[in-house]
Protein backbone atom coordinates (compact mmCIF):
# COMPACT_ATOMS: atom_id res chain seq x y z
CA UNK A 1 -23.74 -13.38 8.83
CA UNK A 2 -26.11 -10.48 9.30
CA UNK A 3 -28.44 -10.00 6.29
CA UNK A 4 -26.63 -8.77 2.87
CA UNK A 5 -23.37 -9.67 3.99
CA UNK A 6 -21.54 -12.99 2.52
CA UNK A 7 -18.00 -14.78 3.57
CA UNK A 8 -16.37 -14.55 0.19
CA UNK A 9 -13.35 -16.82 -0.78
CA UNK A 10 -10.94 -15.12 -2.85
CA UNK A 11 -9.35 -17.97 -5.45
CA UNK A 12 -5.06 -17.31 -5.47
CA UNK A 13 -5.71 -16.39 -9.44
CA UNK A 14 -8.04 -13.80 -7.79
CA UNK A 15 -5.96 -9.75 -8.25
CA UNK A 16 -4.76 -8.94 -5.44
CA UNK A 17 -7.23 -5.58 -4.87
CA UNK A 18 -10.64 -8.55 -4.96
CA UNK A 19 -8.78 -10.70 -2.74
CA UNK A 20 -8.42 -8.03 -0.19
CA UNK A 21 -12.30 -6.64 -0.88
CA UNK A 22 -13.24 -10.47 -0.02
CA UNK A 23 -10.96 -10.32 3.07
CA UNK A 24 -12.42 -7.18 4.19
CA UNK A 25 -16.44 -8.44 3.67
CA UNK A 26 -15.32 -11.62 5.78
CA UNK A 27 -14.40 -9.38 8.07
CA UNK A 28 -10.90 -10.62 8.90
CA UNK A 29 -9.41 -7.07 8.61
CA UNK A 30 -5.98 -7.09 7.25
CA UNK A 31 -2.25 -7.67 8.54
CA UNK A 32 0.86 -7.12 6.72
CA UNK A 33 1.29 -10.94 7.04
CA UNK A 34 -1.81 -11.60 4.63
CA UNK A 35 0.68 -9.72 1.76
CA UNK A 36 3.61 -9.04 3.09
CA UNK A 37 3.50 -5.23 3.03
CA UNK A 38 2.36 -2.52 5.62
CA UNK A 39 -1.60 -1.41 4.96
CA UNK A 40 -0.54 2.28 4.91
CA UNK A 41 1.37 4.31 3.03
CA UNK A 42 3.31 1.04 0.64
CA UNK A 43 4.63 2.59 -2.66
CA UNK A 44 2.24 3.02 -5.56
CA UNK A 45 2.67 1.80 -9.00
CA UNK A 46 5.42 4.01 -9.95
CA UNK A 47 7.19 3.43 -6.74
CA UNK A 48 6.51 6.95 -5.14
CA UNK A 49 4.67 6.77 -2.16
CA UNK A 50 0.72 7.18 -1.91
CA UNK A 51 -0.58 9.47 0.40
CA UNK A 52 -2.86 7.59 2.79
CA UNK A 53 -6.22 8.02 2.70
CA UNK A 54 -7.20 9.57 6.14
CA UNK A 55 -4.29 12.26 4.87
CA UNK A 56 -6.34 12.88 1.53
CA UNK A 57 -7.43 16.02 0.97
CA UNK A 58 -11.51 16.56 -0.48
CA UNK A 59 -11.75 17.88 -3.60
CA UNK A 60 -14.42 19.38 -5.25
CA UNK A 61 -15.82 19.35 -9.12
CA UNK A 62 -18.69 20.69 -11.31
CA UNK A 63 -20.15 18.84 -13.05
CA UNK A 64 -22.46 19.53 -16.23
CA UNK A 65 -25.77 18.72 -14.45
CA UNK A 66 -25.18 21.77 -11.62
CA UNK A 67 -24.12 19.55 -8.94
CA UNK A 68 -20.14 20.35 -6.96
CA UNK A 69 -18.89 16.52 -6.51
CA UNK A 70 -16.47 16.37 -3.26
CA UNK A 71 -14.43 13.36 -3.90
CA UNK A 72 -10.35 12.09 -2.88
CA UNK A 73 -8.73 10.32 -5.25
CA UNK A 74 -4.96 8.14 -4.63
CA UNK A 75 -2.90 5.67 -6.72
CA UNK A 76 -2.01 5.74 -10.13
CA UNK A 77 -3.32 3.33 -13.26
CA UNK A 78 -4.96 4.42 -16.64
CA UNK A 79 -8.07 3.08 -15.81
CA UNK A 80 -9.76 4.32 -12.50
CA UNK A 81 -11.50 2.19 -9.65
CA UNK A 82 -14.19 3.84 -8.54
CA UNK A 83 -15.44 3.25 -5.34
CA UNK A 84 -19.50 3.73 -4.55
CA UNK A 85 -20.69 4.18 -0.84
CA UNK A 86 -23.11 2.17 0.87
CA UNK A 87 -26.63 3.31 2.86
CA UNK A 88 -26.00 6.88 4.25
CA UNK A 89 -22.45 6.62 4.09
CA UNK A 90 -19.83 9.35 2.76
CA UNK A 91 -16.00 10.26 1.86
CA UNK A 92 -15.28 9.19 5.35
CA UNK A 93 -17.28 5.64 5.76
CA UNK A 94 -15.00 3.83 3.57
CA UNK A 95 -11.94 2.20 5.56
CA UNK A 96 -8.73 3.60 4.95
CA UNK A 97 -6.89 0.33 4.91
CA UNK A 98 -9.16 -1.04 1.98
CA UNK A 99 -8.40 2.02 0.01
CA UNK A 100 -4.80 1.94 0.78
CA UNK A 101 -4.50 -1.73 0.28
CA UNK A 102 -6.41 -1.14 -3.78
CA UNK A 103 -4.32 2.07 -4.26
CA UNK A 104 -0.81 0.26 -4.38
CA UNK A 105 -1.53 -1.18 -7.89
CA UNK A 106 -4.60 1.41 -9.27
CA UNK A 107 -5.69 4.78 -9.14
CA UNK A 108 -8.42 4.81 -7.02
CA UNK A 109 -11.58 7.15 -6.49
CA UNK A 110 -14.18 7.87 -3.94
CA UNK A 111 -17.10 10.66 -4.03
CA UNK A 112 -20.41 11.65 -2.51
CA UNK A 113 -23.12 11.37 -4.82
CA UNK A 114 -25.63 13.96 -5.36
CA UNK A 115 -27.09 15.57 -1.90
CA UNK A 116 -24.61 13.39 -0.04
CA UNK A 117 -22.06 14.78 2.34
CA UNK A 118 -19.96 17.61 0.68
CA UNK A 119 -21.43 17.49 -2.63
CA UNK A 120 -24.50 19.71 -3.52
CA UNK A 121 -28.29 18.92 -4.91
CA UNK A 122 -30.63 16.84 -3.14
CA UNK A 123 -30.39 12.83 -3.46
CA UNK A 124 -32.17 11.32 -5.55
CA UNK A 125 -35.48 8.94 -4.48
CA UNK A 126 -34.04 6.64 -7.29
CA UNK A 127 -31.09 4.28 -8.29
CA UNK A 128 -31.46 4.86 -11.59
CA UNK A 129 -30.98 8.93 -11.14
CA UNK A 130 -28.14 8.19 -8.48
CA UNK A 131 -26.70 5.90 -11.75
CA UNK A 132 -27.10 9.26 -13.84
CA UNK A 133 -25.77 11.32 -11.02
CA UNK A 134 -22.31 9.40 -11.03
CA UNK A 135 -22.04 9.48 -14.47
CA UNK A 136 -21.97 13.47 -14.35
CA UNK A 137 -19.26 12.81 -12.04
CA UNK A 138 -17.13 10.74 -13.82
CA UNK A 139 -17.69 12.79 -16.90
CA UNK A 140 -17.08 16.05 -15.10
CA UNK A 141 -13.40 14.26 -13.89
CA UNK A 142 -12.59 12.74 -17.56
CA UNK A 143 -13.32 9.48 -16.84
CA UNK A 144 -14.83 7.95 -19.49
CA UNK A 145 -13.47 4.13 -19.25
CA UNK A 146 -13.45 2.64 -14.97
CA UNK A 147 -13.39 -0.60 -13.01
CA UNK A 148 -16.83 0.06 -10.47
CA UNK A 149 -16.72 -1.95 -7.15
CA UNK A 150 -20.85 -0.52 -5.79
CA UNK A 151 -21.22 -1.07 -1.87
CA UNK A 152 -24.77 -2.18 -0.69
CA UNK A 153 -26.84 0.79 -2.35
CA UNK A 154 -23.69 1.77 -4.23
CA UNK A 155 -23.71 -2.01 -5.94
CA UNK A 156 -27.58 -1.11 -6.76
CA UNK A 157 -26.11 2.25 -8.40
CA UNK A 158 -23.22 0.37 -10.20
CA UNK A 159 -25.56 -2.41 -11.77
CA UNK A 160 -27.84 0.51 -13.19
CA UNK A 161 -24.40 2.23 -14.80
CA UNK A 162 -23.37 -1.28 -16.47
CA UNK A 163 -26.62 -1.30 -17.86
CA UNK A 164 -27.14 2.14 -19.16
CA UNK A 165 -23.86 3.20 -19.78
CA UNK A 166 -21.96 -0.68 -20.64
CA UNK A 167 -19.21 1.19 -22.30
CA UNK A 168 -18.29 3.00 -19.74
CA UNK A 169 -17.69 0.05 -17.07
CA UNK A 170 -14.63 -2.44 -18.20
CA UNK A 171 -15.43 -4.71 -14.56
CA UNK A 172 -18.31 -4.34 -12.22
CA UNK A 173 -17.52 -5.50 -9.04
CA UNK A 174 -20.37 -6.24 -6.47
CA UNK A 175 -20.62 -6.10 -2.84
CA UNK A 176 -23.34 -7.05 -0.26
CA UNK A 177 -25.49 -6.62 -3.76
CA UNK A 178 -28.49 -8.23 -5.14
CA UNK A 179 -30.56 -8.01 -8.51
CA UNK A 180 -33.33 -5.57 -9.11
CA UNK A 181 -36.94 -6.61 -7.97
CA UNK A 182 -34.96 -9.95 -6.58
CA UNK A 183 -37.21 -12.44 -4.19
CA UNK A 184 -36.64 -11.10 -0.58
CA UNK A 185 -35.42 -7.45 -1.60
CA UNK A 186 -38.59 -5.62 -0.87
CA UNK A 187 -38.59 -3.45 2.38
CA UNK A 188 -36.06 -3.06 5.10
CA UNK A 189 -35.61 -5.80 7.78
CA UNK A 190 -36.43 -4.33 11.22
CA UNK A 191 -33.03 -5.17 12.44
CA UNK A 192 -30.90 -3.65 9.79
CA UNK A 193 -32.90 -0.15 9.50
CA UNK A 194 -33.16 -0.38 13.56
CA UNK A 195 -29.60 0.01 13.29
CA UNK A 196 -28.33 1.84 10.78
CA UNK A 197 -32.24 4.17 10.15
CA UNK A 198 -31.75 6.10 13.12
CA UNK A 199 -32.03 9.72 12.83
CA UNK A 200 -28.03 9.70 14.91
CA UNK A 201 -25.91 6.90 13.18
CA UNK A 202 -23.80 4.85 15.42
CA UNK A 203 -20.78 2.89 15.51
CA UNK A 204 -22.57 -0.17 16.75
CA UNK A 205 -25.31 0.10 14.34
CA UNK A 206 -22.76 -0.18 11.60
CA UNK A 207 -21.18 -3.20 13.50
CA UNK A 208 -23.98 -4.74 13.89
CA UNK A 209 -25.21 -5.09 10.30
CA UNK A 210 -21.68 -5.06 8.26
CA UNK A 211 -20.12 -7.51 11.00
CA UNK A 212 -20.87 -10.78 12.00
CA UNK A 213 -22.35 -11.56 15.62
CA UNK A 214 -18.33 -13.33 16.55
CA UNK A 215 -15.46 -12.02 17.99
CA UNK A 216 -12.71 -12.52 15.45
CA UNK A 217 -15.46 -10.40 13.14
CA UNK A 218 -16.72 -7.66 15.79
CA UNK A 219 -13.16 -7.32 16.72
CA UNK A 220 -12.17 -7.02 13.03
CA UNK A 221 -14.72 -4.41 12.90
CA UNK A 222 -14.02 -2.31 16.15
CA UNK A 223 -10.56 -1.76 14.17
CA UNK A 224 -12.13 -0.61 11.09
CA UNK A 225 -14.80 1.87 12.72
CA UNK A 226 -11.60 3.34 14.56
CA UNK A 227 -9.50 3.46 11.55
CA UNK A 228 -12.31 5.78 10.11
CA UNK A 229 -13.07 7.86 12.70
CA UNK A 230 -9.09 8.33 13.23
CA UNK A 231 -9.53 11.32 10.28
CA UNK A 232 -9.74 14.76 13.00
CA UNK A 233 -8.51 17.27 10.22
CA UNK A 234 -10.89 18.21 7.42
CA UNK A 235 -13.48 15.65 8.02
CA UNK A 236 -15.99 15.25 4.62
CA UNK A 237 -19.73 16.83 6.23
CA UNK A 238 -22.27 14.32 7.63
CA UNK A 239 -25.18 12.88 5.50
CA UNK A 240 -28.79 14.46 6.11
CA UNK A 241 -31.61 12.83 7.23
CA UNK A 242 -33.17 14.31 3.74
CA UNK A 243 -30.57 11.82 2.41
CA UNK A 244 -31.45 8.98 4.83
CA UNK A 245 -35.06 8.97 3.54
CA UNK A 246 -34.05 9.24 -0.38
CA UNK A 247 -32.01 7.08 0.04
CA UNK A 248 -34.03 4.36 1.64
CA UNK A 249 -36.76 4.97 -0.16
CA UNK A 250 -34.46 4.09 -3.66
CA UNK A 251 -33.76 0.99 -1.66
CA UNK A 252 -37.19 0.30 -1.29
CA UNK A 253 -38.33 0.61 -5.13
CA UNK A 254 -35.26 -1.42 -6.25
CA UNK A 255 -36.86 -4.09 -4.12
CA UNK A 256 -40.49 -3.89 -5.52
CA UNK A 257 -40.90 -7.66 -6.95
CA UNK A 258 -39.88 -7.37 -11.22
CA UNK A 259 -39.76 -11.22 -12.02
CA UNK A 260 -39.40 -10.14 -16.27
CA UNK A 261 -36.64 -8.43 -15.38
CA UNK A 262 -34.87 -11.37 -13.71
CA UNK A 263 -35.34 -13.01 -17.17
CA UNK A 264 -32.42 -13.89 -18.93
């Protein structure tokens, strides 16, 4: 496995939505036989057919901080599951198979944080401000209690939200994560930033960072990329170089060794 990606084994007692996350993190992909139902277009909790993620409309909501946030949501449930995206990712960089699997029993919300993709504003260069902006988005859509799933830089933002606004977070799920100031976190591995930090991101760079260098993992990764790019209408706006630079700085700052922060 590449740096930051660990193969996870999900106990049978875990909820389906967490088991699905572990399967995707391990690069196994999703098959109908894993859960006994197809991935797309399954009934939601109330029996109605949920709209597949790849067909959801892009929505906009204006927040009190002056930012118009682009987002999508699907599924039903009292407490939503909010997904926080990886470095340079936008609404289209979530694997539709993952979102559709989660939405069988949950209301699932994806969004572009400030300055990312279809959202307005300037992308901040600190995780703290990204967390504050995410809280502003949730307030704008009247969410005051949520489960948070953070992926990569999204996992840093999720940790910050849970620390600064603990009443907002019921459960926190972290993927490709590390605590602030942890050993080995400062800076970027040259092969990682070389793959995903170029001016024009490529599917091959994504595969090299987020999937293991094995035939099965690469095959699963290629299937995921095909699902992400299958949508041809109403795609999200691409992230800008300015967003890349701000997120790059935020990750570097998050990784500055702060051993006092790691003490219990």
